[in-house]
Amino acid sequence: MVQLHYLAAGIMAGTSRHDRAMMVNAKKQLSVSTDPTERLRLQCLARGSSGIKGLSRTFKIMDDDNNRTLDLKEFMKGLNDYGVQITKEEAIAMFESFDRDNSGFIDFDEFLLALRPPMSNARKEVIMQAFRKLDKTGDGVITIEDLQGVYNVKCHPKYQNGEWTEEQIFRKFLDNFDSPYEKDGQVTKEEFVNYYCGVSASIDNDVYFILIMKNAWNL
């Protein structure tokens, strides 16, 4: 079994360096960007790898009836709750650009897909390889139960000194990929991909990104 604290440390150390560079770069681009969707994407990236993931969770909270669509009021409230700096006119223009059939609603998944930074198929595939490795039950959600028997916490310093239980260590690990605003101990495929979309945006080279993923997840 893989020792979990080494894996978690490697993942976080490997992405934090790129995160800092990405956040600085996103802020620079934001000062000259005029396209509303691009400005929203850059504001998310300026918050780090979890930026798009956090916005996704905020919109999920807005979707009261769980129909995966948002009307203009829900859309604008979600942007406001997430603290996005965008004018009312920009928000309306963005909403209308996604409301292609003029129904007054936008598809939640299509919007997030457009918001994610572009990724090559090779990057998408290695991200999904990592997700499938973690999702032992194959139900599309990574939970503590998936991690048990896959990763070994016995060498984790906080487990050894009795400060944390095995479950607490697993939960802390899952929190790395969960939304920073509503941690529920479950990581969906969407949250996992959103997280790595942010990481991907900070790394220019496909080969290097794939190497990082393979080393982090022992693929």
C-alpha atoms as a PDB file:
ATOM      1  CA  MET A   1       0.000   0.000   0.000  1.00  0.00           C
ATOM      2  CA  VAL A   2       1.078   3.563  -0.681  1.00  0.00           C
ATOM      3  CA  GLN A   3       1.867   5.670   2.375  1.00  0.00           C
ATOM      4  CA  LEU A   4      -0.772   8.384   2.352  1.00  0.00           C
ATOM      5  CA  HIS A   5       1.167  11.216   3.964  1.00  0.00           C
ATOM      6  CA  TYR A   6       3.920  10.985   1.350  1.00  0.00           C
ATOM      7  CA  LEU A   7       1.329  10.997  -1.423  1.00  0.00           C
ATOM      8  CA  ALA A   8      -0.572  13.953   0.015  1.00  0.00           C
ATOM      9  CA  ALA A   9       2.633  15.894   0.642  1.00  0.00           C
ATOM     10  CA  GLY A  10       3.807  15.248  -2.909  1.00  0.00           C
ATOM     11  CA  ILE A  11       0.518  16.375  -4.417  1.00  0.00           C
ATOM     12  CA  MET A  12       0.353  19.587  -2.420  1.00  0.00           C
ATOM     13  CA  ALA A  13       4.033  20.475  -2.784  1.00  0.00           C
ATOM     14  CA  GLY A  14       3.915  19.750  -6.493  1.00  0.00           C
ATOM     15  CA  THR A  15       0.952  22.033  -7.092  1.00  0.00           C
ATOM     16  CA  SER A  16       1.606  24.877  -4.638  1.00  0.00           C
ATOM     17  CA  ARG A  17       4.660  26.110  -6.566  1.00  0.00           C
ATOM     18  CA  HIS A  18       2.690  26.169  -9.811  1.00  0.00           C
ATOM     19  CA  ASP A  19      -0.299  27.679  -8.041  1.00  0.00           C
ATOM     20  CA  ARG A  20       1.664  30.721  -6.975  1.00  0.00           C
ATOM     21  CA  ALA A  21       2.935  31.340 -10.509  1.00  0.00           C
ATOM     22  CA  MET A  22      -0.524  30.789 -11.983  1.00  0.00           C
ATOM     23  CA  MET A  23      -2.177  33.185  -9.530  1.00  0.00           C
ATOM     24  CA  VAL A  24       0.317  35.954 -10.350  1.00  0.00           C
ATOM     25  CA  ASN A  25      -0.054  35.352 -14.089  1.00  0.00           C
ATOM     26  CA  ALA A  26      -3.872  35.296 -13.900  1.00  0.00           C
ATOM     27  CA  LYS A  27      -3.908  38.632 -12.063  1.00  0.00           C
ATOM     28  CA  LYS A  28      -1.653  40.167 -14.742  1.00  0.00           C
ATOM     29  CA  GLN A  29      -3.879  38.910 -17.565  1.00  0.00           C
ATOM     30  CA  LEU A  30      -6.968  40.104 -15.712  1.00  0.00           C
ATOM     31  CA  SER A  31      -5.748  43.690 -15.905  1.00  0.00           C
ATOM     32  CA  VAL A  32      -5.889  43.625 -19.719  1.00  0.00           C
ATOM     33  CA  SER A  33      -8.665  41.110 -20.464  1.00  0.00           C
ATOM     34  CA  THR A  34     -12.013  42.472 -21.652  1.00  0.00           C
ATOM     35  CA  ASP A  35     -13.997  39.287 -22.432  1.00  0.00           C
ATOM     36  CA  PRO A  36     -16.431  38.611 -19.543  1.00  0.00           C
ATOM     37  CA  THR A  37     -16.021  34.815 -19.593  1.00  0.00           C
ATOM     38  CA  GLU A  38     -12.241  35.063 -19.755  1.00  0.00           C
ATOM     39  CA  ARG A  39     -12.278  37.575 -16.898  1.00  0.00           C
ATOM     40  CA  LEU A  40     -14.346  35.193 -14.786  1.00  0.00           C
ATOM     41  CA  ARG A  41     -11.980  32.314 -15.597  1.00  0.00           C
ATOM     42  CA  LEU A  42      -8.963  34.452 -14.652  1.00  0.00           C
ATOM     43  CA  GLN A  43     -10.572  35.529 -11.371  1.00  0.00           C
ATOM     44  CA  CYS A  44     -11.078  31.861 -10.506  1.00  0.00           C
ATOM     45  CA  LEU A  45      -7.485  30.978 -11.455  1.00  0.00           C
ATOM     46  CA  ALA A  46      -6.222  33.931  -9.406  1.00  0.00           C
ATOM     47  CA  ARG A  47      -7.554  32.027  -6.362  1.00  0.00           C
ATOM     48  CA  GLY A  48      -5.458  28.977  -7.147  1.00  0.00           C
ATOM     49  CA  SER A  49      -6.248  25.451  -8.288  1.00  0.00           C
ATOM     50  CA  SER A  50      -9.448  25.302  -6.239  1.00  0.00           C
ATOM     51  CA  GLY A  51     -10.891  28.494  -7.743  1.00  0.00           C
ATOM     52  CA  ILE A  52     -13.097  26.940 -10.430  1.00  0.00           C
ATOM     53  CA  LYS A  53     -14.000  24.105  -8.073  1.00  0.00           C
ATOM     54  CA  GLY A  54     -15.166  26.637  -5.475  1.00  0.00           C
ATOM     55  CA  LEU A  55     -17.321  28.488  -8.003  1.00  0.00           C
ATOM     56  CA  SER A  56     -18.820  25.159  -9.094  1.00  0.00           C
ATOM     57  CA  ARG A  57     -19.844  24.371  -5.513  1.00  0.00           C
ATOM     58  CA  THR A  58     -21.303  27.858  -5.058  1.00  0.00           C
ATOM     59  CA  PHE A  59     -23.488  27.382  -8.126  1.00  0.00           C
ATOM     60  CA  LYS A  60     -24.555  23.955  -6.881  1.00  0.00           C
ATOM     61  CA  ILE A  61     -25.879  25.615  -3.734  1.00  0.00           C
ATOM     62  CA  MET A  62     -27.826  28.070  -5.926  1.00  0.00           C
ATOM     63  CA  ASP A  63     -29.441  25.165  -7.821  1.00  0.00           C
ATOM     64  CA  ASP A  64     -32.202  24.581  -5.273  1.00  0.00           C
ATOM     65  CA  ASP A  65     -34.219  22.164  -7.384  1.00  0.00           C
ATOM     66  CA  ASN A  66     -31.107  20.234  -8.469  1.00  0.00           C
ATOM     67  CA  ASN A  67     -32.034  20.388 -12.154  1.00  0.00           C
ATOM     68  CA  ARG A  68     -28.507  21.424 -13.227  1.00  0.00           C
ATOM     69  CA  THR A  69     -29.730  24.718 -14.680  1.00  0.00           C
ATOM     70  CA  LEU A  70     -29.495  28.308 -13.471  1.00  0.00           C
ATOM     71  CA  ASP A  71     -31.656  31.312 -14.253  1.00  0.00           C
ATOM     72  CA  LEU A  72     -30.184  34.816 -14.409  1.00  0.00           C
ATOM     73  CA  LYS A  73     -31.054  35.609 -10.780  1.00  0.00           C
ATOM     74  CA  GLU A  74     -29.367  32.411  -9.506  1.00  0.00           C
ATOM     75  CA  PHE A  75     -26.385  33.019 -11.777  1.00  0.00           C
ATOM     76  CA  MET A  76     -25.819  36.564 -10.542  1.00  0.00           C
ATOM     77  CA  LYS A  77     -26.334  35.580  -6.895  1.00  0.00           C
ATOM     78  CA  GLY A  78     -23.756  32.794  -7.306  1.00  0.00           C
ATOM     79  CA  LEU A  79     -21.185  35.202  -8.737  1.00  0.00           C
ATOM     80  CA  ASN A  80     -21.898  37.686  -5.954  1.00  0.00           C
ATOM     81  CA  ASP A  81     -21.682  35.055  -3.191  1.00  0.00           C
ATOM     82  CA  TYR A  82     -18.346  33.868  -4.567  1.00  0.00           C
ATOM     83  CA  GLY A  83     -17.043  37.440  -4.506  1.00  0.00           C
ATOM     84  CA  VAL A  84     -16.416  37.757  -8.227  1.00  0.00           C
ATOM     85  CA  GLN A  85     -15.616  41.296  -9.363  1.00  0.00           C
ATOM     86  CA  ILE A  86     -17.856  41.658 -12.391  1.00  0.00           C
ATOM     87  CA  THR A  87     -20.327  44.302 -13.477  1.00  0.00           C
ATOM     88  CA  LYS A  88     -24.035  43.583 -13.823  1.00  0.00           C
ATOM     89  CA  GLU A  89     -23.738  44.260 -17.567  1.00  0.00           C
ATOM     90  CA  GLU A  90     -20.867  41.767 -17.916  1.00  0.00           C
ATOM     91  CA  ALA A  91     -22.763  39.112 -15.969  1.00  0.00           C
ATOM     92  CA  ILE A  92     -25.869  39.568 -18.143  1.00  0.00           C
ATOM     93  CA  ALA A  93     -23.780  39.433 -21.337  1.00  0.00           C
ATOM     94  CA  MET A  94     -22.088  36.243 -20.158  1.00  0.00           C
ATOM     95  CA  PHE A  95     -25.390  34.654 -19.195  1.00  0.00           C
ATOM     96  CA  GLU A  96     -26.955  35.532 -22.554  1.00  0.00           C
ATOM     97  CA  SER A  97     -23.978  34.074 -24.435  1.00  0.00           C
ATOM     98  CA  PHE A  98     -24.611  30.710 -22.753  1.00  0.00           C
ATOM     99  CA  ASP A  99     -28.399  30.895 -23.016  1.00  0.00           C
ATOM    100  CA  ARG A 100     -28.267  29.915 -26.687  1.00  0.00           C
ATOM    101  CA  ASP A 101     -31.931  28.929 -26.963  1.00  0.00           C
ATOM    102  CA  ASN A 102     -33.143  32.061 -25.132  1.00  0.00           C
ATOM    103  CA  SER A 103     -34.926  29.898 -22.556  1.00  0.00           C
ATOM    104  CA  GLY A 104     -33.911  32.096 -19.629  1.00  0.00           C
ATOM    105  CA  PHE A 105     -31.757  29.255 -18.236  1.00  0.00           C
ATOM    106  CA  ILE A 106     -28.197  28.072 -18.752  1.00  0.00           C
ATOM    107  CA  ASP A 107     -26.936  24.526 -18.463  1.00  0.00           C
ATOM    108  CA  PHE A 108     -24.753  24.279 -15.365  1.00  0.00           C
ATOM    109  CA  ASP A 109     -22.401  21.627 -16.801  1.00  0.00           C
ATOM    110  CA  GLU A 110     -21.942  23.368 -20.157  1.00  0.00           C
ATOM    111  CA  PHE A 111     -21.077  26.618 -18.407  1.00  0.00           C
ATOM    112  CA  LEU A 112     -18.430  25.021 -16.194  1.00  0.00           C
ATOM    113  CA  LEU A 113     -16.996  23.144 -19.162  1.00  0.00           C
ATOM    114  CA  ALA A 114     -16.557  26.436 -21.017  1.00  0.00           C
ATOM    115  CA  LEU A 115     -15.048  28.056 -17.938  1.00  0.00           C
ATOM    116  CA  ARG A 116     -12.368  25.401 -17.481  1.00  0.00           C
ATOM    117  CA  PRO A 117      -9.017  26.243 -19.085  1.00  0.00           C
ATOM    118  CA  PRO A 118      -8.526  24.193 -22.282  1.00  0.00           C
ATOM    119  CA  MET A 119      -6.737  20.862 -21.768  1.00  0.00           C
ATOM    120  CA  SER A 120      -5.310  18.333 -24.214  1.00  0.00           C
ATOM    121  CA  ASN A 121      -6.825  14.852 -24.402  1.00  0.00           C
ATOM    122  CA  ALA A 122      -3.611  13.445 -22.929  1.00  0.00           C
ATOM    123  CA  ARG A 123      -4.050  15.583 -19.803  1.00  0.00           C
ATOM    124  CA  LYS A 124      -7.713  14.661 -19.477  1.00  0.00           C
ATOM    125  CA  GLU A 125      -6.880  10.962 -19.724  1.00  0.00           C
ATOM    126  CA  VAL A 126      -4.185  10.994 -17.024  1.00  0.00           C
ATOM    127  CA  ILE A 127      -6.529  12.905 -14.689  1.00  0.00           C
ATOM    128  CA  MET A 128      -9.190  10.252 -15.224  1.00  0.00           C
ATOM    129  CA  GLN A 129      -6.626   7.481 -14.639  1.00  0.00           C
ATOM    130  CA  ALA A 130      -5.906   9.021 -11.242  1.00  0.00           C
ATOM    131  CA  PHE A 131      -9.598   9.352 -10.436  1.00  0.00           C
ATOM    132  CA  ARG A 132     -10.339   5.745 -11.404  1.00  0.00           C
ATOM    133  CA  LYS A 133      -7.466   4.557  -9.222  1.00  0.00           C
ATOM    134  CA  LEU A 134      -8.959   6.323  -6.202  1.00  0.00           C
ATOM    135  CA  ASP A 135     -12.592   5.481  -6.931  1.00  0.00           C
ATOM    136  CA  LYS A 136     -12.314   1.819  -5.969  1.00  0.00           C
ATOM    137  CA  THR A 137     -16.083   1.296  -5.841  1.00  0.00           C
ATOM    138  CA  GLY A 138     -16.557   2.843  -9.285  1.00  0.00           C
ATOM    139  CA  ASP A 139     -19.542   4.932  -8.211  1.00  0.00           C
ATOM    140  CA  GLY A 140     -18.091   8.249  -9.428  1.00  0.00           C
ATOM    141  CA  VAL A 141     -17.381   9.579  -5.917  1.00  0.00           C
ATOM    142  CA  ILE A 142     -14.179   9.234  -3.854  1.00  0.00           C
ATOM    143  CA  THR A 143     -14.899   8.588  -0.173  1.00  0.00           C
ATOM    144  CA  ILE A 144     -13.041   7.445   2.923  1.00  0.00           C
ATOM    145  CA  GLU A 145     -14.210   3.909   2.153  1.00  0.00           C
ATOM    146  CA  ASP A 146     -12.461   4.074  -1.227  1.00  0.00           C
ATOM    147  CA  LEU A 147      -9.189   5.074   0.416  1.00  0.00           C
ATOM    148  CA  GLN A 148      -9.237   2.383   3.098  1.00  0.00           C
ATOM    149  CA  GLY A 149      -7.130  -0.570   2.048  1.00  0.00           C
ATOM    150  CA  VAL A 150      -5.559   1.456  -0.762  1.00  0.00           C
ATOM    151  CA  TYR A 151      -3.402   3.873   1.220  1.00  0.00           C
ATOM    152  CA  ASN A 152      -1.507   3.250   4.417  1.00  0.00           C
ATOM    153  CA  VAL A 153      -1.703   5.896   7.144  1.00  0.00           C
ATOM    154  CA  LYS A 154       0.406   4.003   9.687  1.00  0.00           C
ATOM    155  CA  CYS A 155       3.498   6.109   8.948  1.00  0.00           C
ATOM    156  CA  HIS A 156       1.681   9.411   9.131  1.00  0.00           C
ATOM    157  CA  PRO A 157       3.258  11.428  12.000  1.00  0.00           C
ATOM    158  CA  LYS A 158      -0.118  12.517  13.394  1.00  0.00           C
ATOM    159  CA  TYR A 159      -1.368   8.919  13.364  1.00  0.00           C
ATOM    160  CA  GLN A 160       1.771   7.732  15.138  1.00  0.00           C
ATOM    161  CA  ASN A 161       1.485  10.307  17.926  1.00  0.00           C
ATOM    162  CA  GLY A 162      -2.246   9.658  18.346  1.00  0.00           C
ATOM    163  CA  GLU A 163      -3.296  13.162  17.346  1.00  0.00           C
ATOM    164  CA  TRP A 164      -5.412  11.987  14.385  1.00  0.00           C
ATOM    165  CA  THR A 165      -7.354   8.805  13.711  1.00  0.00           C
ATOM    166  CA  GLU A 166      -7.136   6.942  10.401  1.00  0.00           C
ATOM    167  CA  GLU A 167     -10.487   8.458   9.396  1.00  0.00           C
ATOM    168  CA  GLN A 168      -9.308  11.991  10.182  1.00  0.00           C
ATOM    169  CA  ILE A 169      -6.227  11.531   8.007  1.00  0.00           C
ATOM    170  CA  PHE A 170      -8.306  10.233   5.107  1.00  0.00           C
ATOM    171  CA  ARG A 171     -10.748  13.111   5.539  1.00  0.00           C
ATOM    172  CA  LYS A 172      -7.925  15.656   5.519  1.00  0.00           C
ATOM    173  CA  PHE A 173      -6.594  14.102   2.334  1.00  0.00           C
ATOM    174  CA  LEU A 174      -9.993  14.347   0.617  1.00  0.00           C
ATOM    175  CA  ASP A 175     -10.313  17.971   1.747  1.00  0.00           C
ATOM    176  CA  ASN A 176      -7.436  18.815  -0.623  1.00  0.00           C
ATOM    177  CA  PHE A 177      -9.768  18.221  -3.556  1.00  0.00           C
ATOM    178  CA  ASP A 178     -13.074  19.233  -2.014  1.00  0.00           C
ATOM    179  CA  SER A 179     -14.513  22.716  -2.168  1.00  0.00           C
ATOM    180  CA  PRO A 180     -12.879  25.007   0.422  1.00  0.00           C
ATOM    181  CA  TYR A 181     -16.329  26.372   1.288  1.00  0.00           C
ATOM    182  CA  GLU A 182     -18.273  23.180   1.907  1.00  0.00           C
ATOM    183  CA  LYS A 183     -16.164  20.149   2.733  1.00  0.00           C
ATOM    184  CA  ASP A 184     -18.282  17.006   2.851  1.00  0.00           C
ATOM    185  CA  GLY A 185     -15.654  14.242   2.752  1.00  0.00           C
ATOM    186  CA  GLN A 186     -16.696  13.259  -0.761  1.00  0.00           C
ATOM    187  CA  VAL A 187     -14.968  14.190  -3.998  1.00  0.00           C
ATOM    188  CA  THR A 188     -16.969  13.871  -7.199  1.00  0.00           C
ATOM    189  CA  LYS A 189     -15.435  13.358 -10.623  1.00  0.00           C
ATOM    190  CA  GLU A 190     -16.407  16.941 -11.446  1.00  0.00           C
ATOM    191  CA  GLU A 191     -14.621  18.328  -8.357  1.00  0.00           C
ATOM    192  CA  PHE A 192     -11.518  16.237  -9.072  1.00  0.00           C
ATOM    193  CA  VAL A 193     -11.371  17.413 -12.699  1.00  0.00           C
ATOM    194  CA  ASN A 194     -12.074  21.031 -11.718  1.00  0.00           C
ATOM    195  CA  TYR A 195      -9.189  20.891  -9.252  1.00  0.00           C
ATOM    196  CA  TYR A 196      -6.771  19.561 -11.852  1.00  0.00           C
ATOM    197  CA  CYS A 197      -8.005  22.011 -14.487  1.00  0.00           C
ATOM    198  CA  GLY A 198      -6.626  24.666 -12.177  1.00  0.00           C
ATOM    199  CA  VAL A 199      -3.350  22.794 -11.763  1.00  0.00           C
ATOM    200  CA  SER A 200      -3.150  22.225 -15.521  1.00  0.00           C
ATOM    201  CA  ALA A 201      -3.532  25.947 -16.206  1.00  0.00           C
ATOM    202  CA  SER A 202      -0.314  26.577 -14.292  1.00  0.00           C
ATOM    203  CA  ILE A 203       1.767  24.098 -16.326  1.00  0.00           C
ATOM    204  CA  ASP A 204       2.531  24.818 -19.982  1.00  0.00           C
ATOM    205  CA  ASN A 205       4.088  21.514 -20.986  1.00  0.00           C
ATOM    206  CA  ASP A 206       1.910  18.405 -21.507  1.00  0.00           C
ATOM    207  CA  VAL A 207       4.763  15.992 -20.835  1.00  0.00           C
ATOM    208  CA  TYR A 208       5.615  17.690 -17.535  1.00  0.00           C
ATOM    209  CA  PHE A 209       1.982  17.723 -16.395  1.00  0.00           C
ATOM    210  CA  ILE A 210       1.588  14.019 -17.177  1.00  0.00           C
ATOM    211  CA  LEU A 211       4.849  13.243 -15.365  1.00  0.00           C
ATOM    212  CA  ILE A 212       3.639  15.118 -12.271  1.00  0.00           C
ATOM    213  CA  MET A 213       0.369  13.178 -12.298  1.00  0.00           C
ATOM    214  CA  LYS A 214       2.038   9.811 -12.778  1.00  0.00           C
ATOM    215  CA  ASN A 215       4.546  10.468  -9.994  1.00  0.00           C
ATOM    216  CA  ALA A 216       1.885  11.788  -7.594  1.00  0.00           C
ATOM    217  CA  TRP A 217      -0.506   8.893  -8.104  1.00  0.00           C
ATOM    218  CA  ASN A 218       1.926   6.064  -8.927  1.00  0.00           C
ATOM    219  CA  LEU A 219       0.218   5.497 -12.268  1.00  0.00           C
END
